[in-house]
Amino acid sequence: MKDSETKITVSSLPRKDQWVIFNIHETGYYKVNYDDDNWNLLIQQLNNDHQVIHVINRAQIIDDAMDLAQAGQLSYNIAMGLNTYLKNEEEYVPWESALSNLNYIKRMFTRSGNYGAIKNYLLTLLTPLYESVGFQDNMNDPHLEQFKRVKALTWACNLEYQDCVNNSVSLYQKWMHNPSDRSIVSPNLKSTVYCTAIAAGGEKEWNFGWNQYLASNVGSEKSLLLSALGCTKKVWILSRYLDMAFTDGSGIRKQDAGTAFEGVARNSVGHYLAWNYIRENWEKIIDYYGSGLFTIPRLVKSATESLNTDLELKEASVGR
């Protein structure tokens, strides 16, 4: 298209009973929307034989549809219908595209009465992927296979798939019995195992994670543990953790407080705690950071990205 053109007519397209894909291999920086007939033909093709469509275009179709649905330009019936084929998908790239977009759906429903249906729907898609990659990590696998396993396990455990939870708790307990052996949990799985075991456990598991955080001198390990400590389901521990994040001498460095806060804010149990904390302690947080105000937007984003009710909009607008 020329800069002066607002539309262009393409000739020689397939018959109306055949699907068509624009932006082959996603070489252009734009989204593609189709009429409902073409979307439904793509859904049919993906369910019948998804490999007929190139792997990059499979990822693109999902990403475009979910973005268009979120923008109100496409029905979610179609967007979610495209995802039904995923139970047969074995490639990492389409899964990355799908899960990145489905995370928004999950976040919007986590605190609603419909979350059970969304959870079951997601597990229906994810269970075949989880079973195909297995919980046992293999550092010799191709990188995309490792990425796919991490993605599958992270989601399965977050959705409380019992086999994933059991394996994570078992590994964490082994580590608790032998704290000096940091090789018990594979580097690829640490984030998932730490968070899942701390969420499933209580004060004992949290305290072990905290002590390991204090003892570690590896920056990446400390960051993983700091984030995972926000996964506990114990409200009183989360409240204490938020206070620790913004208190000098607590053991959490000022530049790492955002990581701890985000861990709590992402937690379905801790979301409201984080949201209330940042509103009730705004002046304290500003004073704590002083000139380091670059952290404040990060805190606000993590506290507000799951807000989705009229009341929460009014709460967020107060004092603007």
C-alpha atoms as a PDB file:
ATOM      1  CA  MET A   1       0.000   0.000   0.000  1.00  0.00           C
ATOM      2  CA  LYS A   2       1.079   3.545  -0.673  1.00  0.00           C
ATOM      3  CA  ASP A   3       1.138   6.169   2.073  1.00  0.00           C
ATOM      4  CA  SER A   4      -1.821   7.885   0.429  1.00  0.00           C
ATOM      5  CA  GLU A   5      -3.962   4.728   0.292  1.00  0.00           C
ATOM      6  CA  THR A   6      -6.493   3.838   2.983  1.00  0.00           C
ATOM      7  CA  LYS A   7      -7.530   0.558   1.377  1.00  0.00           C
ATOM      8  CA  ILE A   8      -6.467  -1.744  -1.431  1.00  0.00           C
ATOM      9  CA  THR A   9      -8.314  -4.501  -3.284  1.00  0.00           C
ATOM     10  CA  VAL A  10      -6.418  -7.766  -3.673  1.00  0.00           C
ATOM     11  CA  SER A  11      -7.368  -9.961  -6.589  1.00  0.00           C
ATOM     12  CA  SER A  12      -6.831 -13.716  -7.088  1.00  0.00           C
ATOM     13  CA  LEU A  13      -7.782 -14.664  -3.547  1.00  0.00           C
ATOM     14  CA  PRO A  14      -8.920 -18.236  -2.830  1.00  0.00           C
ATOM     15  CA  ARG A  15     -12.597 -19.166  -2.984  1.00  0.00           C
ATOM     16  CA  LYS A  16     -14.747 -18.161  -0.029  1.00  0.00           C
ATOM     17  CA  ASP A  17     -14.696 -21.715   1.296  1.00  0.00           C
ATOM     18  CA  GLN A  18     -10.886 -21.615   1.608  1.00  0.00           C
ATOM     19  CA  TRP A  19      -8.928 -19.740   4.248  1.00  0.00           C
ATOM     20  CA  VAL A  20      -6.308 -17.106   3.554  1.00  0.00           C
ATOM     21  CA  ILE A  21      -3.482 -15.703   5.703  1.00  0.00           C
ATOM     22  CA  PHE A  22      -1.908 -12.278   5.321  1.00  0.00           C
ATOM     23  CA  ASN A  23       1.486 -11.217   6.686  1.00  0.00           C
ATOM     24  CA  ILE A  24       3.204 -14.494   5.827  1.00  0.00           C
ATOM     25  CA  HIS A  25       5.743 -15.511   8.478  1.00  0.00           C
ATOM     26  CA  GLU A  26       4.840 -12.272  10.266  1.00  0.00           C
ATOM     27  CA  THR A  27       7.341 -10.187   8.288  1.00  0.00           C
ATOM     28  CA  GLY A  28       5.330  -6.954   8.747  1.00  0.00           C
ATOM     29  CA  TYR A  29       4.706  -4.951  11.906  1.00  0.00           C
ATOM     30  CA  TYR A  30       0.922  -4.925  11.856  1.00  0.00           C
ATOM     31  CA  LYS A  31      -2.116  -6.850  13.044  1.00  0.00           C
ATOM     32  CA  VAL A  32      -4.450  -8.651  10.643  1.00  0.00           C
ATOM     33  CA  ASN A  33      -8.200  -8.933  11.085  1.00  0.00           C
ATOM     34  CA  TYR A  34     -10.474 -11.060   8.873  1.00  0.00           C
ATOM     35  CA  ASP A  35     -14.185 -11.522   8.458  1.00  0.00           C
ATOM     36  CA  ASP A  36     -15.809 -14.171  10.637  1.00  0.00           C
ATOM     37  CA  ASP A  37     -15.928 -16.690   7.785  1.00  0.00           C
ATOM     38  CA  ASN A  38     -12.162 -16.655   7.311  1.00  0.00           C
ATOM     39  CA  TRP A  39     -11.513 -16.813  11.057  1.00  0.00           C
ATOM     40  CA  ASN A  40     -13.786 -19.851  11.329  1.00  0.00           C
ATOM     41  CA  LEU A  41     -12.030 -21.516   8.396  1.00  0.00           C
ATOM     42  CA  LEU A  42      -8.708 -20.971  10.182  1.00  0.00           C
ATOM     43  CA  ILE A  43     -10.136 -22.477  13.366  1.00  0.00           C
ATOM     44  CA  GLN A  44     -11.308 -25.495  11.378  1.00  0.00           C
ATOM     45  CA  GLN A  45      -7.911 -25.924   9.721  1.00  0.00           C
ATOM     46  CA  LEU A  46      -6.009 -25.655  12.992  1.00  0.00           C
ATOM     47  CA  ASN A  47      -8.201 -28.307  14.580  1.00  0.00           C
ATOM     48  CA  ASN A  48      -8.003 -30.636  11.571  1.00  0.00           C
ATOM     49  CA  ASP A  49      -4.289 -30.300  10.814  1.00  0.00           C
ATOM     50  CA  HIS A  50      -2.489 -27.340  12.351  1.00  0.00           C
ATOM     51  CA  GLN A  51       0.842 -28.179  10.710  1.00  0.00           C
ATOM     52  CA  VAL A  52      -0.515 -27.102   7.320  1.00  0.00           C
ATOM     53  CA  ILE A  53      -0.078 -23.550   8.644  1.00  0.00           C
ATOM     54  CA  HIS A  54       3.508 -22.445   9.271  1.00  0.00           C
ATOM     55  CA  VAL A  55       4.540 -22.364  12.949  1.00  0.00           C
ATOM     56  CA  ILE A  56       5.221 -18.610  12.873  1.00  0.00           C
ATOM     57  CA  ASN A  57       1.802 -17.931  11.386  1.00  0.00           C
ATOM     58  CA  ARG A  58       0.168 -20.135  14.003  1.00  0.00           C
ATOM     59  CA  ALA A  59       1.692 -17.886  16.647  1.00  0.00           C
ATOM     60  CA  GLN A  60       0.732 -14.779  14.683  1.00  0.00           C
ATOM     61  CA  ILE A  61      -2.901 -15.832  14.217  1.00  0.00           C
ATOM     62  CA  ILE A  62      -3.322 -16.388  17.954  1.00  0.00           C
ATOM     63  CA  ASP A  63      -1.574 -13.161  18.882  1.00  0.00           C
ATOM     64  CA  ASP A  64      -3.525 -11.056  16.386  1.00  0.00           C
ATOM     65  CA  ALA A  65      -6.876 -12.543  17.392  1.00  0.00           C
ATOM     66  CA  MET A  66      -6.326 -12.143  21.137  1.00  0.00           C
ATOM     67  CA  ASP A  67      -5.077  -8.566  20.756  1.00  0.00           C
ATOM     68  CA  LEU A  68      -8.017  -7.686  18.501  1.00  0.00           C
ATOM     69  CA  ALA A  69     -10.458  -9.237  20.980  1.00  0.00           C
ATOM     70  CA  GLN A  70      -8.942  -7.281  23.860  1.00  0.00           C
ATOM     71  CA  ALA A  71      -9.318  -4.115  21.777  1.00  0.00           C
ATOM     72  CA  GLY A  72     -12.993  -4.923  21.126  1.00  0.00           C
ATOM     73  CA  GLN A  73     -12.497  -5.483  17.396  1.00  0.00           C
ATOM     74  CA  LEU A  74     -13.071  -9.247  17.386  1.00  0.00           C
ATOM     75  CA  SER A  75     -15.402 -11.578  19.266  1.00  0.00           C
ATOM     76  CA  TYR A  76     -13.772 -13.518  22.090  1.00  0.00           C
ATOM     77  CA  ASN A  77     -15.732 -16.535  20.834  1.00  0.00           C
ATOM     78  CA  ILE A  78     -13.483 -16.532  17.790  1.00  0.00           C
ATOM     79  CA  ALA A  79     -10.297 -15.613  19.646  1.00  0.00           C
ATOM     80  CA  MET A  80     -10.750 -18.349  22.237  1.00  0.00           C
ATOM     81  CA  GLY A  81     -11.931 -20.753  19.549  1.00  0.00           C
ATOM     82  CA  LEU A  82      -8.530 -20.477  17.889  1.00  0.00           C
ATOM     83  CA  ASN A  83      -6.884 -21.696  21.087  1.00  0.00           C
ATOM     84  CA  THR A  84      -8.781 -25.000  21.158  1.00  0.00           C
ATOM     85  CA  TYR A  85      -6.260 -26.623  18.807  1.00  0.00           C
ATOM     86  CA  LEU A  86      -3.437 -26.033  21.307  1.00  0.00           C
ATOM     87  CA  LYS A  87      -3.993 -29.417  22.932  1.00  0.00           C
ATOM     88  CA  ASN A  88      -2.293 -30.785  19.805  1.00  0.00           C
ATOM     89  CA  GLU A  89       0.400 -28.100  19.524  1.00  0.00           C
ATOM     90  CA  GLU A  90       3.978 -29.191  20.247  1.00  0.00           C
ATOM     91  CA  GLU A  91       5.980 -26.128  19.166  1.00  0.00           C
ATOM     92  CA  TYR A  92       7.187 -23.511  21.631  1.00  0.00           C
ATOM     93  CA  VAL A  93       6.507 -20.337  19.625  1.00  0.00           C
ATOM     94  CA  PRO A  94       2.697 -20.737  19.299  1.00  0.00           C
ATOM     95  CA  TRP A  95       2.507 -21.698  22.960  1.00  0.00           C
ATOM     96  CA  GLU A  96       4.483 -18.628  23.983  1.00  0.00           C
ATOM     97  CA  SER A  97       2.120 -16.461  21.950  1.00  0.00           C
ATOM     98  CA  ALA A  98      -0.988 -18.135  23.378  1.00  0.00           C
ATOM     99  CA  LEU A  99       0.052 -18.129  27.025  1.00  0.00           C
ATOM    100  CA  SER A 100       1.274 -14.542  26.924  1.00  0.00           C
ATOM    101  CA  ASN A 101      -2.196 -13.533  25.773  1.00  0.00           C
ATOM    102  CA  LEU A 102      -4.123 -15.960  27.980  1.00  0.00           C
ATOM    103  CA  ASN A 103      -2.328 -14.503  30.990  1.00  0.00           C
ATOM    104  CA  TYR A 104      -4.476 -11.395  30.572  1.00  0.00           C
ATOM    105  CA  ILE A 105      -7.646 -13.507  30.579  1.00  0.00           C
ATOM    106  CA  LYS A 106      -6.481 -15.419  33.637  1.00  0.00           C
ATOM    107  CA  ARG A 107      -5.594 -12.209  35.470  1.00  0.00           C
ATOM    108  CA  MET A 108      -8.991 -10.657  34.753  1.00  0.00           C
ATOM    109  CA  PHE A 109     -10.895 -13.693  36.089  1.00  0.00           C
ATOM    110  CA  THR A 110      -8.690 -14.723  39.017  1.00  0.00           C
ATOM    111  CA  ARG A 111     -10.828 -12.901  41.577  1.00  0.00           C
ATOM    112  CA  SER A 112     -14.210 -13.695  40.008  1.00  0.00           C
ATOM    113  CA  GLY A 113     -16.693 -16.507  40.493  1.00  0.00           C
ATOM    114  CA  ASN A 114     -15.976 -17.691  36.961  1.00  0.00           C
ATOM    115  CA  TYR A 115     -12.316 -18.436  37.630  1.00  0.00           C
ATOM    116  CA  GLY A 116     -13.009 -22.157  38.118  1.00  0.00           C
ATOM    117  CA  ALA A 117     -14.277 -22.459  34.552  1.00  0.00           C
ATOM    118  CA  ILE A 118     -11.283 -20.531  33.166  1.00  0.00           C
ATOM    119  CA  LYS A 119      -8.909 -22.663  35.224  1.00  0.00           C
ATOM    120  CA  ASN A 120     -10.428 -25.910  33.937  1.00  0.00           C
ATOM    121  CA  TYR A 121     -10.351 -24.603  30.376  1.00  0.00           C
ATOM    122  CA  LEU A 122      -6.661 -23.702  30.651  1.00  0.00           C
ATOM    123  CA  LEU A 123      -5.778 -27.051  32.219  1.00  0.00           C
ATOM    124  CA  THR A 124      -7.563 -28.855  29.382  1.00  0.00           C
ATOM    125  CA  LEU A 125      -5.229 -27.099  26.943  1.00  0.00           C
ATOM    126  CA  LEU A 126      -2.092 -27.384  29.064  1.00  0.00           C
ATOM    127  CA  THR A 127      -2.260 -30.926  30.436  1.00  0.00           C
ATOM    128  CA  PRO A 128      -1.157 -32.631  27.180  1.00  0.00           C
ATOM    129  CA  LEU A 129       1.777 -30.199  26.927  1.00  0.00           C
ATOM    130  CA  TYR A 130       2.747 -30.802  30.561  1.00  0.00           C
ATOM    131  CA  GLU A 131       2.651 -34.563  30.095  1.00  0.00           C
ATOM    132  CA  SER A 132       4.687 -34.392  26.888  1.00  0.00           C
ATOM    133  CA  VAL A 133       7.572 -32.352  28.360  1.00  0.00           C
ATOM    134  CA  GLY A 134       7.565 -34.002  31.798  1.00  0.00           C
ATOM    135  CA  PHE A 135       8.608 -32.478  35.096  1.00  0.00           C
ATOM    136  CA  GLN A 136      12.166 -33.817  35.005  1.00  0.00           C
ATOM    137  CA  ASP A 137      14.422 -31.161  33.505  1.00  0.00           C
ATOM    138  CA  ASN A 138      17.122 -31.994  30.982  1.00  0.00           C
ATOM    139  CA  MET A 139      19.729 -29.300  30.388  1.00  0.00           C
ATOM    140  CA  ASN A 140      20.861 -31.144  27.249  1.00  0.00           C
ATOM    141  CA  ASP A 141      17.517 -30.657  25.518  1.00  0.00           C
ATOM    142  CA  PRO A 142      17.351 -28.082  22.696  1.00  0.00           C
ATOM    143  CA  HIS A 143      16.797 -24.581  24.064  1.00  0.00           C
ATOM    144  CA  LEU A 144      13.243 -24.288  22.750  1.00  0.00           C
ATOM    145  CA  GLU A 145      12.364 -27.608  24.376  1.00  0.00           C
ATOM    146  CA  GLN A 146      13.702 -26.304  27.684  1.00  0.00           C
ATOM    147  CA  PHE A 147      11.760 -23.062  27.263  1.00  0.00           C
ATOM    148  CA  LYS A 148       8.609 -25.054  26.507  1.00  0.00           C
ATOM    149  CA  ARG A 149       9.047 -27.167  29.643  1.00  0.00           C
ATOM    150  CA  VAL A 150       9.555 -24.100  31.823  1.00  0.00           C
ATOM    151  CA  LYS A 151       6.441 -22.499  30.360  1.00  0.00           C
ATOM    152  CA  ALA A 152       4.337 -25.654  30.784  1.00  0.00           C
ATOM    153  CA  LEU A 153       5.447 -26.262  34.373  1.00  0.00           C
ATOM    154  CA  THR A 154       5.068 -22.644  35.401  1.00  0.00           C
ATOM    155  CA  TRP A 155       1.475 -22.568  34.198  1.00  0.00           C
ATOM    156  CA  ALA A 156       0.542 -26.053  35.407  1.00  0.00           C
ATOM    157  CA  CYS A 157       1.810 -25.353  38.916  1.00  0.00           C
ATOM    158  CA  ASN A 158       0.198 -21.914  38.995  1.00  0.00           C
ATOM    159  CA  LEU A 159      -3.101 -23.568  38.040  1.00  0.00           C
ATOM    160  CA  GLU A 160      -2.525 -26.048  40.893  1.00  0.00           C
ATOM    161  CA  TYR A 161      -2.196 -29.110  38.685  1.00  0.00           C
ATOM    162  CA  GLN A 162      -1.570 -31.709  41.382  1.00  0.00           C
ATOM    163  CA  ASP A 163       1.318 -33.600  39.789  1.00  0.00           C
ATOM    164  CA  CYS A 164       3.207 -30.361  39.259  1.00  0.00           C
ATOM    165  CA  VAL A 165       2.530 -29.194  42.816  1.00  0.00           C
ATOM    166  CA  ASN A 166       3.573 -32.542  44.295  1.00  0.00           C
ATOM    167  CA  ASN A 167       6.839 -32.601  42.358  1.00  0.00           C
ATOM    168  CA  SER A 168       7.661 -29.024  43.325  1.00  0.00           C
ATOM    169  CA  VAL A 169       6.942 -29.613  47.011  1.00  0.00           C
ATOM    170  CA  SER A 170       9.026 -32.806  46.976  1.00  0.00           C
ATOM    171  CA  LEU A 171      12.052 -31.059  45.461  1.00  0.00           C
ATOM    172  CA  TYR A 172      11.798 -28.137  47.862  1.00  0.00           C
ATOM    173  CA  GLN A 173      11.600 -30.478  50.855  1.00  0.00           C
ATOM    174  CA  LYS A 174      14.693 -32.312  49.642  1.00  0.00           C
ATOM    175  CA  TRP A 175      16.469 -28.985  49.520  1.00  0.00           C
ATOM    176  CA  MET A 176      15.233 -28.115  53.017  1.00  0.00           C
ATOM    177  CA  HIS A 177      16.793 -31.366  54.284  1.00  0.00           C
ATOM    178  CA  ASN A 178      20.097 -30.519  52.574  1.00  0.00           C
ATOM    179  CA  PRO A 179      20.298 -26.703  52.350  1.00  0.00           C
ATOM    180  CA  SER A 180      23.922 -26.626  51.165  1.00  0.00           C
ATOM    181  CA  ASP A 181      23.109 -28.586  47.994  1.00  0.00           C
ATOM    182  CA  ARG A 182      21.806 -25.964  45.580  1.00  0.00           C
ATOM    183  CA  SER A 183      21.874 -28.446  42.684  1.00  0.00           C
ATOM    184  CA  ILE A 184      18.756 -30.270  43.906  1.00  0.00           C
ATOM    185  CA  VAL A 185      16.512 -27.914  41.953  1.00  0.00           C
ATOM    186  CA  SER A 186      17.403 -27.370  38.302  1.00  0.00           C
ATOM    187  CA  PRO A 187      18.142 -23.708  37.429  1.00  0.00           C
ATOM    188  CA  ASN A 188      15.358 -23.840  34.828  1.00  0.00           C
ATOM    189  CA  LEU A 189      12.774 -24.871  37.428  1.00  0.00           C
ATOM    190  CA  LYS A 190      13.807 -22.819  40.450  1.00  0.00           C
ATOM    191  CA  SER A 191      11.272 -20.044  39.959  1.00  0.00           C
ATOM    192  CA  THR A 192       8.384 -22.521  39.634  1.00  0.00           C
ATOM    193  CA  VAL A 193       9.510 -24.877  42.402  1.00  0.00           C
ATOM    194  CA  TYR A 194      10.243 -22.121  44.929  1.00  0.00           C
ATOM    195  CA  CYS A 195       6.948 -20.309  44.352  1.00  0.00           C
ATOM    196  CA  THR A 196       4.808 -23.456  44.265  1.00  0.00           C
ATOM    197  CA  ALA A 197       6.319 -24.998  47.402  1.00  0.00           C
ATOM    198  CA  ILE A 198       6.123 -21.761  49.391  1.00  0.00           C
ATOM    199  CA  ALA A 199       2.498 -21.301  48.259  1.00  0.00           C
ATOM    200  CA  ALA A 200       1.628 -24.863  49.290  1.00  0.00           C
ATOM    201  CA  GLY A 201       3.522 -24.617  52.578  1.00  0.00           C
ATOM    202  CA  GLY A 202       3.423 -22.439  55.648  1.00  0.00           C
ATOM    203  CA  GLU A 203       5.731 -20.475  57.906  1.00  0.00           C
ATOM    204  CA  LYS A 204       8.413 -23.170  57.917  1.00  0.00           C
ATOM    205  CA  GLU A 205       8.766 -23.176  54.127  1.00  0.00           C
ATOM    206  CA  TRP A 206       8.718 -19.375  54.003  1.00  0.00           C
ATOM    207  CA  ASN A 207      11.384 -19.043  56.689  1.00  0.00           C
ATOM    208  CA  PHE A 208      13.620 -21.519  54.870  1.00  0.00           C
ATOM    209  CA  GLY A 209      13.313 -19.496  51.671  1.00  0.00           C
ATOM    210  CA  TRP A 210      14.045 -16.295  53.556  1.00  0.00           C
ATOM    211  CA  ASN A 211      17.140 -17.763  55.196  1.00  0.00           C
ATOM    212  CA  GLN A 212      18.370 -19.007  51.831  1.00  0.00           C
ATOM    213  CA  TYR A 213      17.840 -15.511  50.454  1.00  0.00           C
ATOM    214  CA  LEU A 214      19.946 -14.011  53.230  1.00  0.00           C
ATOM    215  CA  ALA A 215      22.674 -16.647  52.819  1.00  0.00           C
ATOM    216  CA  SER A 216      22.981 -16.407  49.034  1.00  0.00           C
ATOM    217  CA  ASN A 217      25.536 -14.132  47.410  1.00  0.00           C
ATOM    218  CA  VAL A 218      24.293 -14.787  43.861  1.00  0.00           C
ATOM    219  CA  GLY A 219      22.182 -11.939  42.531  1.00  0.00           C
ATOM    220  CA  SER A 220      19.930 -14.064  40.309  1.00  0.00           C
ATOM    221  CA  GLU A 221      19.251 -16.547  43.112  1.00  0.00           C
ATOM    222  CA  LYS A 222      18.395 -13.780  45.561  1.00  0.00           C
ATOM    223  CA  SER A 223      15.981 -12.264  43.044  1.00  0.00           C
ATOM    224  CA  LEU A 224      14.248 -15.622  42.456  1.00  0.00           C
ATOM    225  CA  LEU A 225      13.818 -16.192  46.175  1.00  0.00           C
ATOM    226  CA  LEU A 226      12.653 -12.647  46.839  1.00  0.00           C
ATOM    227  CA  SER A 227       9.939 -13.042  44.211  1.00  0.00           C
ATOM    228  CA  ALA A 228       8.960 -16.537  45.401  1.00  0.00           C
ATOM    229  CA  LEU A 229       8.542 -15.382  49.007  1.00  0.00           C
ATOM    230  CA  GLY A 230       5.567 -13.357  47.770  1.00  0.00           C
ATOM    231  CA  CYS A 231       3.810 -16.578  46.717  1.00  0.00           C
ATOM    232  CA  THR A 232       2.760 -17.663  50.214  1.00  0.00           C
ATOM    233  CA  LYS A 233      -0.973 -17.880  50.867  1.00  0.00           C
ATOM    234  CA  LYS A 234      -0.570 -16.802  54.514  1.00  0.00           C
ATOM    235  CA  VAL A 235      -2.012 -13.290  54.696  1.00  0.00           C
ATOM    236  CA  TRP A 236      -0.130 -12.325  57.844  1.00  0.00           C
ATOM    237  CA  ILE A 237       3.196 -13.329  56.292  1.00  0.00           C
ATOM    238  CA  LEU A 238       2.425 -11.301  53.180  1.00  0.00           C
ATOM    239  CA  SER A 239       1.542  -8.260  55.310  1.00  0.00           C
ATOM    240  CA  ARG A 240       4.789  -8.575  57.227  1.00  0.00           C
ATOM    241  CA  TYR A 241       6.708  -9.044  53.982  1.00  0.00           C
ATOM    242  CA  LEU A 242       5.310  -5.809  52.547  1.00  0.00           C
ATOM    243  CA  ASP A 243       6.438  -3.919  55.642  1.00  0.00           C
ATOM    244  CA  MET A 244       9.876  -5.511  55.405  1.00  0.00           C
ATOM    245  CA  ALA A 245      10.215  -4.438  51.765  1.00  0.00           C
ATOM    246  CA  PHE A 246      10.090  -0.757  52.710  1.00  0.00           C
ATOM    247  CA  THR A 247      11.962  -0.843  56.017  1.00  0.00           C
ATOM    248  CA  ASP A 248      15.664  -0.112  56.387  1.00  0.00           C
ATOM    249  CA  GLY A 249      17.641  -2.964  57.928  1.00  0.00           C
ATOM    250  CA  SER A 250      15.029  -5.645  57.188  1.00  0.00           C
ATOM    251  CA  GLY A 251      17.402  -7.587  54.941  1.00  0.00           C
ATOM    252  CA  ILE A 252      15.778  -6.420  51.686  1.00  0.00           C
ATOM    253  CA  ARG A 253      17.865  -3.869  49.827  1.00  0.00           C
ATOM    254  CA  LYS A 254      16.074  -0.696  48.777  1.00  0.00           C
ATOM    255  CA  GLN A 255      16.636  -1.455  45.088  1.00  0.00           C
ATOM    256  CA  ASP A 256      15.061  -4.917  45.558  1.00  0.00           C
ATOM    257  CA  ALA A 257      11.869  -3.787  47.309  1.00  0.00           C
ATOM    258  CA  GLY A 258      10.074  -3.667  43.956  1.00  0.00           C
ATOM    259  CA  THR A 259      10.742  -7.362  43.363  1.00  0.00           C
ATOM    260  CA  ALA A 260       9.254  -8.273  46.740  1.00  0.00           C
ATOM    261  CA  PHE A 261       6.241  -6.014  46.187  1.00  0.00           C
ATOM    262  CA  GLU A 262       5.592  -7.462  42.728  1.00  0.00           C
ATOM    263  CA  GLY A 263       5.710 -10.987  44.167  1.00  0.00           C
ATOM    264  CA  VAL A 264       2.912 -10.101  46.576  1.00  0.00           C
ATOM    265  CA  ALA A 265       0.903  -8.147  43.970  1.00  0.00           C
ATOM    266  CA  ARG A 266       0.920 -11.103  41.525  1.00  0.00           C
ATOM    267  CA  ASN A 267      -0.389 -13.408  44.234  1.00  0.00           C
ATOM    268  CA  SER A 268      -4.180 -13.803  44.080  1.00  0.00           C
ATOM    269  CA  VAL A 269      -4.223 -13.697  47.886  1.00  0.00           C
ATOM    270  CA  GLY A 270      -1.800 -10.784  48.100  1.00  0.00           C
ATOM    271  CA  HIS A 271      -3.274  -8.580  45.370  1.00  0.00           C
ATOM    272  CA  TYR A 272      -5.580  -6.584  47.622  1.00  0.00           C
ATOM    273  CA  LEU A 273      -2.895  -6.370  50.303  1.00  0.00           C
ATOM    274  CA  ALA A 274      -0.473  -4.799  47.831  1.00  0.00           C
ATOM    275  CA  TRP A 275      -3.144  -2.470  46.416  1.00  0.00           C
ATOM    276  CA  ASN A 276      -4.181  -1.283  49.870  1.00  0.00           C
ATOM    277  CA  TYR A 277      -0.588  -1.027  51.058  1.00  0.00           C
ATOM    278  CA  ILE A 278       0.549   1.298  48.287  1.00  0.00           C
ATOM    279  CA  ARG A 279      -2.469   3.574  48.846  1.00  0.00           C
ATOM    280  CA  GLU A 280      -2.190   3.651  52.618  1.00  0.00           C
ATOM    281  CA  ASN A 281       1.602   4.031  52.686  1.00  0.00           C
ATOM    282  CA  TRP A 282       2.158   6.259  49.663  1.00  0.00           C
ATOM    283  CA  GLU A 283       3.967   9.006  51.572  1.00  0.00           C
ATOM    284  CA  LYS A 284       6.099   6.471  53.419  1.00  0.00           C
ATOM    285  CA  ILE A 285       7.151   4.833  50.132  1.00  0.00           C
ATOM    286  CA  ILE A 286       7.946   8.208  48.535  1.00  0.00           C
ATOM    287  CA  ASP A 287      10.030   9.191  51.574  1.00  0.00           C
ATOM    288  CA  TYR A 288      11.749   5.813  51.591  1.00  0.00           C
ATOM    289  CA  TYR A 289      12.964   6.154  48.020  1.00  0.00           C
ATOM    290  CA  GLY A 290      13.727   9.853  48.129  1.00  0.00           C
ATOM    291  CA  SER A 291      15.279  10.744  44.784  1.00  0.00           C
ATOM    292  CA  GLY A 292      15.028   7.159  43.527  1.00  0.00           C
ATOM    293  CA  LEU A 293      11.565   7.696  42.098  1.00  0.00           C
ATOM    294  CA  PHE A 294      12.226   5.492  39.061  1.00  0.00           C
ATOM    295  CA  THR A 295      10.959   2.550  41.156  1.00  0.00           C
ATOM    296  CA  ILE A 296       7.564   4.128  41.883  1.00  0.00           C
ATOM    297  CA  PRO A 297       6.019   3.513  38.410  1.00  0.00           C
ATOM    298  CA  ARG A 298       7.029  -0.145  38.705  1.00  0.00           C
ATOM    299  CA  LEU A 299       5.171  -0.430  42.011  1.00  0.00           C
ATOM    300  CA  VAL A 300       2.077   1.310  40.667  1.00  0.00           C
ATOM    301  CA  LYS A 301       1.984  -0.901  37.571  1.00  0.00           C
ATOM    302  CA  SER A 302       2.203  -4.148  39.532  1.00  0.00           C
ATOM    303  CA  ALA A 303      -0.436  -2.973  42.032  1.00  0.00           C
ATOM    304  CA  THR A 304      -2.948  -1.894  39.398  1.00  0.00           C
ATOM    305  CA  GLU A 305      -2.568  -4.246  36.414  1.00  0.00           C
ATOM    306  CA  SER A 306      -5.250  -6.623  37.756  1.00  0.00           C
ATOM    307  CA  LEU A 307      -7.806  -3.956  38.645  1.00  0.00           C
ATOM    308  CA  ASN A 308     -10.994  -4.395  36.602  1.00  0.00           C
ATOM    309  CA  THR A 309     -14.033  -3.136  38.508  1.00  0.00           C
ATOM    310  CA  ASP A 310     -15.764   0.256  38.633  1.00  0.00           C
ATOM    311  CA  LEU A 311     -15.005   0.516  42.346  1.00  0.00           C
ATOM    312  CA  GLU A 312     -11.303  -0.099  41.757  1.00  0.00           C
ATOM    313  CA  LEU A 313     -11.302   2.512  38.999  1.00  0.00           C
ATOM    314  CA  LYS A 314     -12.765   5.037  41.438  1.00  0.00           C
ATOM    315  CA  GLU A 315     -10.211   4.043  44.084  1.00  0.00           C
ATOM    316  CA  ALA A 316      -7.375   4.487  41.589  1.00  0.00           C
ATOM    317  CA  SER A 317      -8.745   7.890  40.525  1.00  0.00           C
ATOM    318  CA  VAL A 318      -8.998   9.378  44.025  1.00  0.00           C
ATOM    319  CA  GLY A 319      -6.483  12.162  44.553  1.00  0.00           C
ATOM    320  CA  ARG A 320      -5.461  12.457  40.915  1.00  0.00           C
END
